[in-house]
Amino acid sequence: ALRAEVERRTDELGAGPWGALGPDGTARLADLLGEFWVA
């Protein structure tokens, strides 16, 4: 439970840039990164 809370807080503290990019921009970036990530 403590480690889960650490991950929850980490995600919460790291969410700002993705909120600024917005859901559409974030989803588009995820799609674009796929082939490069796989490589």
PDB file of all heavy atoms in Angstrom:
ATOM      1  N   ALA A   1       0.831  -1.204   0.000  1.00  0.00           N
ATOM      2  CA  ALA A   1       0.000   0.000   0.000  1.00  0.00           C
ATOM      3  C   ALA A   1       0.867   1.257   0.000  1.00  0.00           C
ATOM      4  O   ALA A   1       0.558   2.232  -0.705  1.00  0.00           O
ATOM      5  CB  ALA A   1      -0.932  -0.010   1.214  1.00  0.00           C
ATOM      6  N   LEU A   2       1.960   1.226   0.762  1.00  0.00           N
ATOM      7  CA  LEU A   2       2.841   2.399   0.793  1.00  0.00           C
ATOM      8  C   LEU A   2       3.500   2.617  -0.556  1.00  0.00           C
ATOM      9  O   LEU A   2       3.578   3.759  -1.032  1.00  0.00           O
ATOM     10  CB  LEU A   2       3.900   2.228   1.881  1.00  0.00           C
ATOM     11  CG  LEU A   2       4.811   3.447   2.082  1.00  0.00           C
ATOM     12  CD1 LEU A   2       4.019   4.646   2.600  1.00  0.00           C
ATOM     13  CD2 LEU A   2       5.955   3.123   3.040  1.00  0.00           C
ATOM     14  N   ARG A   3       3.972   1.540  -1.191  1.00  0.00           N
ATOM     15  CA  ARG A   3       4.590   1.695  -2.508  1.00  0.00           C
ATOM     16  C   ARG A   3       3.552   2.154  -3.541  1.00  0.00           C
ATOM     17  O   ARG A   3       3.877   2.965  -4.420  1.00  0.00           O
ATOM     18  CB  ARG A   3       5.226   0.384  -2.955  1.00  0.00           C
ATOM     19  CG  ARG A   3       6.492  -0.023  -2.235  1.00  0.00           C
ATOM     20  CD  ARG A   3       7.656   0.935  -2.317  1.00  0.00           C
ATOM     21  NE  ARG A   3       7.885   1.585  -3.576  1.00  0.00           N
ATOM     22  CZ  ARG A   3       9.034   2.180  -3.915  1.00  0.00           C
ATOM     23  NH1 ARG A   3      10.070   2.167  -3.063  1.00  0.00           N
ATOM     24  NH2 ARG A   3       9.168   2.792  -5.069  1.00  0.00           N
ATOM     25  N   ALA A   4       2.341   1.694  -3.440  1.00  0.00           N
ATOM     26  CA  ALA A   4       1.293   2.154  -4.347  1.00  0.00           C
ATOM     27  C   ALA A   4       1.040   3.644  -4.162  1.00  0.00           C
ATOM     28  O   ALA A   4       0.812   4.380  -5.133  1.00  0.00           O
ATOM     29  CB  ALA A   4       0.003   1.359  -4.127  1.00  0.00           C
ATOM     30  N   GLU A   5       1.088   4.098  -2.909  1.00  0.00           N
ATOM     31  CA  GLU A   5       0.905   5.526  -2.640  1.00  0.00           C
ATOM     32  C   GLU A   5       2.071   6.333  -3.195  1.00  0.00           C
ATOM     33  O   GLU A   5       1.871   7.442  -3.717  1.00  0.00           O
ATOM     34  CB  GLU A   5       0.771   5.749  -1.133  1.00  0.00           C
ATOM     35  CG  GLU A   5       0.625   7.209  -0.702  1.00  0.00           C
ATOM     36  CD  GLU A   5      -0.641   7.877  -1.223  1.00  0.00           C
ATOM     37  OE1 GLU A   5      -1.529   7.178  -1.761  1.00  0.00           O
ATOM     38  OE2 GLU A   5      -0.741   9.113  -1.087  1.00  0.00           O
ATOM     39  N   VAL A   6       3.289   5.807  -3.113  1.00  0.00           N
ATOM     40  CA  VAL A   6       4.442   6.483  -3.709  1.00  0.00           C
ATOM     41  C   VAL A   6       4.242   6.649  -5.215  1.00  0.00           C
ATOM     42  O   VAL A   6       4.481   7.726  -5.776  1.00  0.00           O
ATOM     43  CB  VAL A   6       5.745   5.697  -3.422  1.00  0.00           C
ATOM     44  CG1 VAL A   6       6.888   6.198  -4.302  1.00  0.00           C
ATOM     45  CG2 VAL A   6       6.122   5.804  -1.953  1.00  0.00           C
ATOM     46  N   GLU A   7       3.776   5.596  -5.879  1.00  0.00           N
ATOM     47  CA  GLU A   7       3.553   5.686  -7.325  1.00  0.00           C
ATOM     48  C   GLU A   7       2.417   6.653  -7.651  1.00  0.00           C
ATOM     49  O   GLU A   7       2.491   7.404  -8.631  1.00  0.00           O
ATOM     50  CB  GLU A   7       3.261   4.300  -7.899  1.00  0.00           C
ATOM     51  CG  GLU A   7       4.423   3.329  -7.796  1.00  0.00           C
ATOM     52  CD  GLU A   7       5.706   3.856  -8.414  1.00  0.00           C
ATOM     53  OE1 GLU A   7       5.646   4.457  -9.510  1.00  0.00           O
ATOM     54  OE2 GLU A   7       6.777   3.668  -7.812  1.00  0.00           O
ATOM     55  N   ARG A   8       1.375   6.643  -6.823  1.00  0.00           N
ATOM     56  CA  ARG A   8       0.262   7.567  -7.060  1.00  0.00           C
ATOM     57  C   ARG A   8       0.728   9.006  -6.944  1.00  0.00           C
ATOM     58  O   ARG A   8       0.427   9.845  -7.797  1.00  0.00           O
ATOM     59  CB  ARG A   8      -0.875   7.299  -6.070  1.00  0.00           C
ATOM     60  CG  ARG A   8      -2.141   8.123  -6.354  1.00  0.00           C
ATOM     61  CD  ARG A   8      -3.081   8.156  -5.165  1.00  0.00           C
ATOM     62  NE  ARG A   8      -2.509   8.895  -4.051  1.00  0.00           N
ATOM     63  CZ  ARG A   8      -2.463  10.238  -3.993  1.00  0.00           C
ATOM     64  NH1 ARG A   8      -2.935  10.983  -4.993  1.00  0.00           N
ATOM     65  NH2 ARG A   8      -1.939  10.835  -2.936  1.00  0.00           N
ATOM     66  N   ARG A   9       1.487   9.302  -5.894  1.00  0.00           N
ATOM     67  CA  ARG A   9       1.994  10.661  -5.707  1.00  0.00           C
ATOM     68  C   ARG A   9       2.954  11.047  -6.843  1.00  0.00           C
ATOM     69  O   ARG A   9       2.939  12.173  -7.321  1.00  0.00           O
ATOM     70  CB  ARG A   9       2.718  10.790  -4.371  1.00  0.00           C
ATOM     71  CG  ARG A   9       1.818  10.848  -3.147  1.00  0.00           C
ATOM     72  CD  ARG A   9       2.641  11.118  -1.898  1.00  0.00           C
ATOM     73  NE  ARG A   9       1.829  11.129  -0.696  1.00  0.00           N
ATOM     74  CZ  ARG A   9       1.173  12.200  -0.244  1.00  0.00           C
ATOM     75  NH1 ARG A   9       1.245  13.342  -0.916  1.00  0.00           N
ATOM     76  NH2 ARG A   9       0.458  12.141   0.869  1.00  0.00           N
ATOM     77  N   THR A  10       3.777  10.090  -7.255  1.00  0.00           N
ATOM     78  CA  THR A  10       4.717  10.360  -8.344  1.00  0.00           C
ATOM     79  C   THR A  10       3.971  10.735  -9.616  1.00  0.00           C
ATOM     80  O   THR A  10       4.325  11.708 -10.295  1.00  0.00           O
ATOM     81  CB  THR A  10       5.605   9.129  -8.592  1.00  0.00           C
ATOM     82  OG1 THR A  10       6.343   8.828  -7.408  1.00  0.00           O
ATOM     83  CG2 THR A  10       6.581   9.380  -9.732  1.00  0.00           C
ATOM     84  N   ASP A  11       2.956   9.956  -9.955  1.00  0.00           N
ATOM     85  CA  ASP A  11       2.163  10.260 -11.146  1.00  0.00           C
ATOM     86  C   ASP A  11       1.463  11.612 -11.012  1.00  0.00           C
ATOM     87  O   ASP A  11       1.400  12.384 -11.976  1.00  0.00           O
ATOM     88  CB  ASP A  11       1.120   9.164 -11.381  1.00  0.00           C
ATOM     89  CG  ASP A  11       1.749   7.862 -11.860  1.00  0.00           C
ATOM     90  OD1 ASP A  11       2.902   7.898 -12.335  1.00  0.00           O
ATOM     91  OD2 ASP A  11       1.080   6.811 -11.763  1.00  0.00           O
ATOM     92  N   GLU A  12       0.945  11.875  -9.838  1.00  0.00           N
ATOM     93  CA  GLU A  12       0.244  13.143  -9.604  1.00  0.00           C
ATOM     94  C   GLU A  12       1.193  14.321  -9.768  1.00  0.00           C
ATOM     95  O   GLU A  12       0.867  15.325 -10.424  1.00  0.00           O
ATOM     96  CB  GLU A  12      -0.356  13.124  -8.202  1.00  0.00           C
ATOM     97  CG  GLU A  12      -1.231  14.319  -7.867  1.00  0.00           C
ATOM     98  CD  GLU A  12      -1.822  14.187  -6.467  1.00  0.00           C
ATOM     99  OE1 GLU A  12      -1.057  14.358  -5.491  1.00  0.00           O
ATOM    100  OE2 GLU A  12      -3.025  13.899  -6.360  1.00  0.00           O
ATOM    101  N   LEU A  13       2.387  14.199  -9.192  1.00  0.00           N
ATOM    102  CA  LEU A  13       3.380  15.276  -9.290  1.00  0.00           C
ATOM    103  C   LEU A  13       3.929  15.421 -10.703  1.00  0.00           C
ATOM    104  O   LEU A  13       4.414  16.492 -11.073  1.00  0.00           O
ATOM    105  CB  LEU A  13       4.522  15.015  -8.302  1.00  0.00           C
ATOM    106  CG  LEU A  13       4.178  15.162  -6.823  1.00  0.00           C
ATOM    107  CD1 LEU A  13       5.300  14.606  -5.949  1.00  0.00           C
ATOM    108  CD2 LEU A  13       3.908  16.623  -6.477  1.00  0.00           C
ATOM    109  N   GLY A  14       3.871  14.350 -11.486  1.00  0.00           N
ATOM    110  CA  GLY A  14       4.383  14.405 -12.851  1.00  0.00           C
ATOM    111  C   GLY A  14       3.342  14.727 -13.895  1.00  0.00           C
ATOM    112  O   GLY A  14       3.647  14.737 -15.105  1.00  0.00           O
ATOM    113  N   ALA A  15       2.111  14.993 -13.491  1.00  0.00           N
ATOM    114  CA  ALA A  15       1.014  15.142 -14.449  1.00  0.00           C
ATOM    115  C   ALA A  15       0.961  16.504 -15.121  1.00  0.00           C
ATOM    116  O   ALA A  15       0.333  16.650 -16.178  1.00  0.00           O
ATOM    117  CB  ALA A  15      -0.322  14.877 -13.742  1.00  0.00           C
ATOM    118  N   GLY A  16       1.614  17.527 -14.538  1.00  0.00           N
ATOM    119  CA  GLY A  16       1.484  18.880 -15.048  1.00  0.00           C
ATOM    120  C   GLY A  16       1.773  19.046 -16.531  1.00  0.00           C
ATOM    121  O   GLY A  16       0.960  19.649 -17.271  1.00  0.00           O
ATOM    122  N   PRO A  17       2.892  18.556 -17.050  1.00  0.00           N
ATOM    123  CA  PRO A  17       3.184  18.733 -18.472  1.00  0.00           C
ATOM    124  C   PRO A  17       2.124  18.122 -19.382  1.00  0.00           C
ATOM    125  O   PRO A  17       1.832  18.661 -20.451  1.00  0.00           O
ATOM    126  CB  PRO A  17       4.531  18.020 -18.645  1.00  0.00           C
ATOM    127  CG  PRO A  17       5.164  18.071 -17.292  1.00  0.00           C
ATOM    128  CD  PRO A  17       4.022  17.938 -16.329  1.00  0.00           C
ATOM    129  N   TRP A  18       1.546  17.012 -18.941  1.00  0.00           N
ATOM    130  CA  TRP A  18       0.554  16.341 -19.785  1.00  0.00           C
ATOM    131  C   TRP A  18      -0.790  17.050 -19.723  1.00  0.00           C
ATOM    132  O   TRP A  18      -1.545  17.060 -20.716  1.00  0.00           O
ATOM    133  CB  TRP A  18       0.454  14.873 -19.373  1.00  0.00           C
ATOM    134  CG  TRP A  18       1.813  14.266 -19.359  1.00  0.00           C
ATOM    135  CD1 TRP A  18       2.517  13.810 -18.288  1.00  0.00           C
ATOM    136  CD2 TRP A  18       2.693  14.131 -20.479  1.00  0.00           C
ATOM    137  NE1 TRP A  18       3.765  13.394 -18.663  1.00  0.00           N
ATOM    138  CE2 TRP A  18       3.906  13.580 -20.008  1.00  0.00           C
ATOM    139  CE3 TRP A  18       2.573  14.428 -21.837  1.00  0.00           C
ATOM    140  CZ2 TRP A  18       4.985  13.312 -20.851  1.00  0.00           C
ATOM    141  CZ3 TRP A  18       3.649  14.166 -22.682  1.00  0.00           C
ATOM    142  CH2 TRP A  18       4.836  13.613 -22.190  1.00  0.00           C
ATOM    143  N   GLY A  19      -1.066  17.660 -18.584  1.00  0.00           N
ATOM    144  CA  GLY A  19      -2.260  18.497 -18.524  1.00  0.00           C
ATOM    145  C   GLY A  19      -2.130  19.698 -19.444  1.00  0.00           C
ATOM    146  O   GLY A  19      -3.100  20.110 -20.092  1.00  0.00           O
ATOM    147  N   ALA A  20      -0.927  20.269 -19.520  1.00  0.00           N
ATOM    148  CA  ALA A  20      -0.696  21.411 -20.396  1.00  0.00           C
ATOM    149  C   ALA A  20      -0.782  21.011 -21.858  1.00  0.00           C
ATOM    150  O   ALA A  20      -1.304  21.764 -22.698  1.00  0.00           O
ATOM    151  CB  ALA A  20       0.670  22.030 -20.098  1.00  0.00           C
ATOM    152  N   LEU A  21      -0.272  19.829 -22.192  1.00  0.00           N
ATOM    153  CA  LEU A  21      -0.333  19.366 -23.584  1.00  0.00           C
ATOM    154  C   LEU A  21      -1.752  18.983 -23.973  1.00  0.00           C
ATOM    155  O   LEU A  21      -2.147  19.112 -25.135  1.00  0.00           O
ATOM    156  CB  LEU A  21       0.605  18.173 -23.770  1.00  0.00           C
ATOM    157  CG  LEU A  21       0.811  17.665 -25.199  1.00  0.00           C
ATOM    158  CD1 LEU A  21       1.377  18.764 -26.101  1.00  0.00           C
ATOM    159  CD2 LEU A  21       1.728  16.450 -25.206  1.00  0.00           C
ATOM    160  N   GLY A  22      -2.536  18.553 -22.992  1.00  0.00           N
ATOM    161  CA  GLY A  22      -3.929  18.195 -23.244  1.00  0.00           C
ATOM    162  C   GLY A  22      -4.086  16.752 -23.675  1.00  0.00           C
ATOM    163  O   GLY A  22      -3.137  16.133 -24.171  1.00  0.00           O
ATOM    164  N   PRO A  23      -5.293  16.202 -23.517  1.00  0.00           N
ATOM    165  CA  PRO A  23      -5.503  14.784 -23.852  1.00  0.00           C
ATOM    166  C   PRO A  23      -5.277  14.463 -25.318  1.00  0.00           C
ATOM    167  O   PRO A  23      -4.730  13.405 -25.645  1.00  0.00           O
ATOM    168  CB  PRO A  23      -6.958  14.524 -23.423  1.00  0.00           C
ATOM    169  CG  PRO A  23      -7.589  15.880 -23.331  1.00  0.00           C
ATOM    170  CD  PRO A  23      -6.501  16.818 -22.943  1.00  0.00           C
ATOM    171  N   ASP A  24      -5.673  15.361 -26.214  1.00  0.00           N
ATOM    172  CA  ASP A  24      -5.491  15.081 -27.638  1.00  0.00           C
ATOM    173  C   ASP A  24      -4.016  15.118 -28.025  1.00  0.00           C
ATOM    174  O   ASP A  24      -3.533  14.244 -28.748  1.00  0.00           O
ATOM    175  CB  ASP A  24      -6.281  16.085 -28.482  1.00  0.00           C
ATOM    176  CG  ASP A  24      -7.783  15.915 -28.359  1.00  0.00           C
ATOM    177  OD1 ASP A  24      -8.218  14.823 -27.909  1.00  0.00           O
ATOM    178  OD2 ASP A  24      -8.519  16.862 -28.692  1.00  0.00           O
ATOM    179  N   GLY A  25      -3.305  16.135 -27.535  1.00  0.00           N
ATOM    180  CA  GLY A  25      -1.887  16.229 -27.841  1.00  0.00           C
ATOM    181  C   GLY A  25      -1.105  15.076 -27.240  1.00  0.00           C
ATOM    182  O   GLY A  25      -0.187  14.539 -27.863  1.00  0.00           O
ATOM    183  N   THR A  26      -1.467  14.684 -26.011  1.00  0.00           N
ATOM    184  CA  THR A  26      -0.781  13.576 -25.350  1.00  0.00           C
ATOM    185  C   THR A  26      -1.034  12.270 -26.099  1.00  0.00           C
ATOM    186  O   THR A  26      -0.109  11.469 -26.317  1.00  0.00           O
ATOM    187  CB  THR A  26      -1.244  13.456 -23.889  1.00  0.00           C
ATOM    188  OG1 THR A  26      -0.958  14.684 -23.203  1.00  0.00           O
ATOM    189  CG2 THR A  26      -0.540  12.315 -23.186  1.00  0.00           C
ATOM    190  N   ALA A  27      -2.289  12.032 -26.504  1.00  0.00           N
ATOM    191  CA  ALA A  27      -2.611  10.818 -27.254  1.00  0.00           C
ATOM    192  C   ALA A  27      -1.889  10.791 -28.597  1.00  0.00           C
ATOM    193  O   ALA A  27      -1.405   9.734 -29.033  1.00  0.00           O
ATOM    194  CB  ALA A  27      -4.120  10.720 -27.459  1.00  0.00           C
ATOM    195  N   ARG A  28      -1.819  11.944 -29.244  1.00  0.00           N
ATOM    196  CA  ARG A  28      -1.120  12.003 -30.530  1.00  0.00           C
ATOM    197  C   ARG A  28       0.369  11.708 -30.351  1.00  0.00           C
ATOM    198  O   ARG A  28       0.959  10.965 -31.142  1.00  0.00           O
ATOM    199  CB  ARG A  28      -1.308  13.389 -31.158  1.00  0.00           C
ATOM    200  CG  ARG A  28      -0.558  13.606 -32.469  1.00  0.00           C
ATOM    201  CD  ARG A  28      -0.972  12.624 -33.541  1.00  0.00           C
ATOM    202  NE  ARG A  28      -0.284  12.892 -34.802  1.00  0.00           N
ATOM    203  CZ  ARG A  28      -0.209  12.024 -35.819  1.00  0.00           C
ATOM    204  NH1 ARG A  28      -0.781  10.823 -35.707  1.00  0.00           N
ATOM    205  NH2 ARG A  28       0.424  12.339 -36.926  1.00  0.00           N
ATOM    206  N   LEU A  29       0.966  12.255 -29.311  1.00  0.00           N
ATOM    207  CA  LEU A  29       2.380  11.992 -29.053  1.00  0.00           C
ATOM    208  C   LEU A  29       2.597  10.506 -28.771  1.00  0.00           C
ATOM    209  O   LEU A  29       3.558   9.916 -29.278  1.00  0.00           O
ATOM    210  CB  LEU A  29       2.876  12.836 -27.882  1.00  0.00           C
ATOM    211  CG  LEU A  29       4.328  12.604 -27.453  1.00  0.00           C
ATOM    212  CD1 LEU A  29       5.298  12.833 -28.611  1.00  0.00           C
ATOM    213  CD2 LEU A  29       4.686  13.506 -26.273  1.00  0.00           C
ATOM    214  N   ALA A  30       1.730   9.909 -27.985  1.00  0.00           N
ATOM    215  CA  ALA A  30       1.860   8.483 -27.699  1.00  0.00           C
ATOM    216  C   ALA A  30       1.812   7.665 -28.985  1.00  0.00           C
ATOM    217  O   ALA A  30       2.609   6.728 -29.179  1.00  0.00           O
ATOM    218  CB  ALA A  30       0.761   8.040 -26.740  1.00  0.00           C
ATOM    219  N   ASP A  31       0.907   8.008 -29.884  1.00  0.00           N
ATOM    220  CA  ASP A  31       0.806   7.289 -31.160  1.00  0.00           C
ATOM    221  C   ASP A  31       2.087   7.458 -31.986  1.00  0.00           C
ATOM    222  O   ASP A  31       2.594   6.504 -32.581  1.00  0.00           O
ATOM    223  CB  ASP A  31      -0.390   7.790 -31.960  1.00  0.00           C
ATOM    224  CG  ASP A  31      -1.724   7.337 -31.381  1.00  0.00           C
ATOM    225  OD1 ASP A  31      -1.719   6.375 -30.581  1.00  0.00           O
ATOM    226  OD2 ASP A  31      -2.754   7.943 -31.715  1.00  0.00           O
ATOM    227  N   LEU A  32       2.594   8.674 -32.020  1.00  0.00           N
ATOM    228  CA  LEU A  32       3.778   8.948 -32.826  1.00  0.00           C
ATOM    229  C   LEU A  32       5.019   8.250 -32.281  1.00  0.00           C
ATOM    230  O   LEU A  32       5.900   7.845 -33.044  1.00  0.00           O
ATOM    231  CB  LEU A  32       4.028  10.459 -32.887  1.00  0.00           C
ATOM    232  CG  LEU A  32       3.025  11.279 -33.703  1.00  0.00           C
ATOM    233  CD1 LEU A  32       3.188  12.763 -33.384  1.00  0.00           C
ATOM    234  CD2 LEU A  32       3.224  11.037 -35.204  1.00  0.00           C
ATOM    235  N   LEU A  33       5.105   8.135 -30.954  1.00  0.00           N
ATOM    236  CA  LEU A  33       6.299   7.559 -30.346  1.00  0.00           C
ATOM    237  C   LEU A  33       6.379   6.052 -30.507  1.00  0.00           C
ATOM    238  O   LEU A  33       7.470   5.469 -30.365  1.00  0.00           O
ATOM    239  CB  LEU A  33       6.334   7.896 -28.847  1.00  0.00           C
ATOM    240  CG  LEU A  33       6.613   9.345 -28.463  1.00  0.00           C
ATOM    241  CD1 LEU A  33       6.531   9.509 -26.950  1.00  0.00           C
ATOM    242  CD2 LEU A  33       7.977   9.801 -28.960  1.00  0.00           C
ATOM    243  N   GLY A  34       5.259   5.407 -30.799  1.00  0.00           N
ATOM    244  CA  GLY A  34       5.210   3.950 -30.792  1.00  0.00           C
ATOM    245  C   GLY A  34       6.306   3.274 -31.589  1.00  0.00           C
ATOM    246  O   GLY A  34       7.039   2.416 -31.075  1.00  0.00           O
ATOM    247  N   GLU A  35       6.472   3.642 -32.844  1.00  0.00           N
ATOM    248  CA  GLU A  35       7.454   2.954 -33.684  1.00  0.00           C
ATOM    249  C   GLU A  35       8.881   3.211 -33.213  1.00  0.00           C
ATOM    250  O   GLU A  35       9.749   2.327 -33.304  1.00  0.00           O
ATOM    251  CB  GLU A  35       7.307   3.378 -35.147  1.00  0.00           C
ATOM    252  CG  GLU A  35       7.628   4.842 -35.421  1.00  0.00           C
ATOM    253  CD  GLU A  35       7.753   5.138 -36.922  1.00  0.00           C
ATOM    254  OE1 GLU A  35       8.656   4.568 -37.572  1.00  0.00           O
ATOM    255  OE2 GLU A  35       6.935   5.936 -37.430  1.00  0.00           O
ATOM    256  N   PHE A  36       9.131   4.407 -32.685  1.00  0.00           N
ATOM    257  CA  PHE A  36      10.481   4.742 -32.225  1.00  0.00           C
ATOM    258  C   PHE A  36      10.789   4.019 -30.914  1.00  0.00           C
ATOM    259  O   PHE A  36      11.914   3.566 -30.692  1.00  0.00           O
ATOM    260  CB  PHE A  36      10.618   6.254 -32.094  1.00  0.00           C
ATOM    261  CG  PHE A  36      10.348   6.971 -33.387  1.00  0.00           C
ATOM    262  CD1 PHE A  36       9.148   7.641 -33.607  1.00  0.00           C
ATOM    263  CD2 PHE A  36      11.283   6.950 -34.409  1.00  0.00           C
ATOM    264  CE1 PHE A  36       8.890   8.275 -34.797  1.00  0.00           C
ATOM    265  CE2 PHE A  36      11.038   7.584 -35.614  1.00  0.00           C
ATOM    266  CZ  PHE A  36       9.834   8.245 -35.813  1.00  0.00           C
ATOM    267  N   TRP A  37       9.792   3.908 -30.058  1.00  0.00           N
ATOM    268  CA  TRP A  37       9.919   3.162 -28.806  1.00  0.00           C
ATOM    269  C   TRP A  37      10.205   1.693 -29.086  1.00  0.00           C
ATOM    270  O   TRP A  37      11.107   1.095 -28.494  1.00  0.00           O
ATOM    271  CB  TRP A  37       8.614   3.339 -28.023  1.00  0.00           C
ATOM    272  CG  TRP A  37       8.488   2.601 -26.746  1.00  0.00           C
ATOM    273  CD1 TRP A  37       9.039   2.929 -25.545  1.00  0.00           C
ATOM    274  CD2 TRP A  37       7.705   1.415 -26.516  1.00  0.00           C
ATOM    275  NE1 TRP A  37       8.656   2.018 -24.570  1.00  0.00           N
ATOM    276  CE2 TRP A  37       7.840   1.089 -25.146  1.00  0.00           C
ATOM    277  CE3 TRP A  37       6.899   0.618 -27.333  1.00  0.00           C
ATOM    278  CZ2 TRP A  37       7.206  -0.013 -24.582  1.00  0.00           C
ATOM    279  CZ3 TRP A  37       6.271  -0.491 -26.773  1.00  0.00           C
ATOM    280  CH2 TRP A  37       6.421  -0.782 -25.414  1.00  0.00           C
ATOM    281  N   VAL A  38       9.455   1.114 -30.014  1.00  0.00           N
ATOM    282  CA  VAL A  38       9.649  -0.289 -30.376  1.00  0.00           C
ATOM    283  C   VAL A  38      11.053  -0.506 -30.927  1.00  0.00           C
ATOM    284  O   VAL A  38      11.725  -1.502 -30.609  1.00  0.00           O
ATOM    285  CB  VAL A  38       8.584  -0.744 -31.389  1.00  0.00           C
ATOM    286  CG1 VAL A  38       8.960  -2.087 -32.009  1.00  0.00           C
ATOM    287  CG2 VAL A  38       7.215  -0.834 -30.724  1.00  0.00           C
ATOM    288  N   ALA A  39      11.535   0.434 -31.739  1.00  0.00           N
ATOM    289  CA  ALA A  39      12.873   0.293 -32.324  1.00  0.00           C
ATOM    290  C   ALA A  39      13.953   0.347 -31.259  1.00  0.00           C
ATOM    291  O   ALA A  39      14.935  -0.402 -31.315  1.00  0.00           O
ATOM    292  CB  ALA A  39      13.103   1.375 -33.374  1.00  0.00           C
TER     293      ALA A  39
END
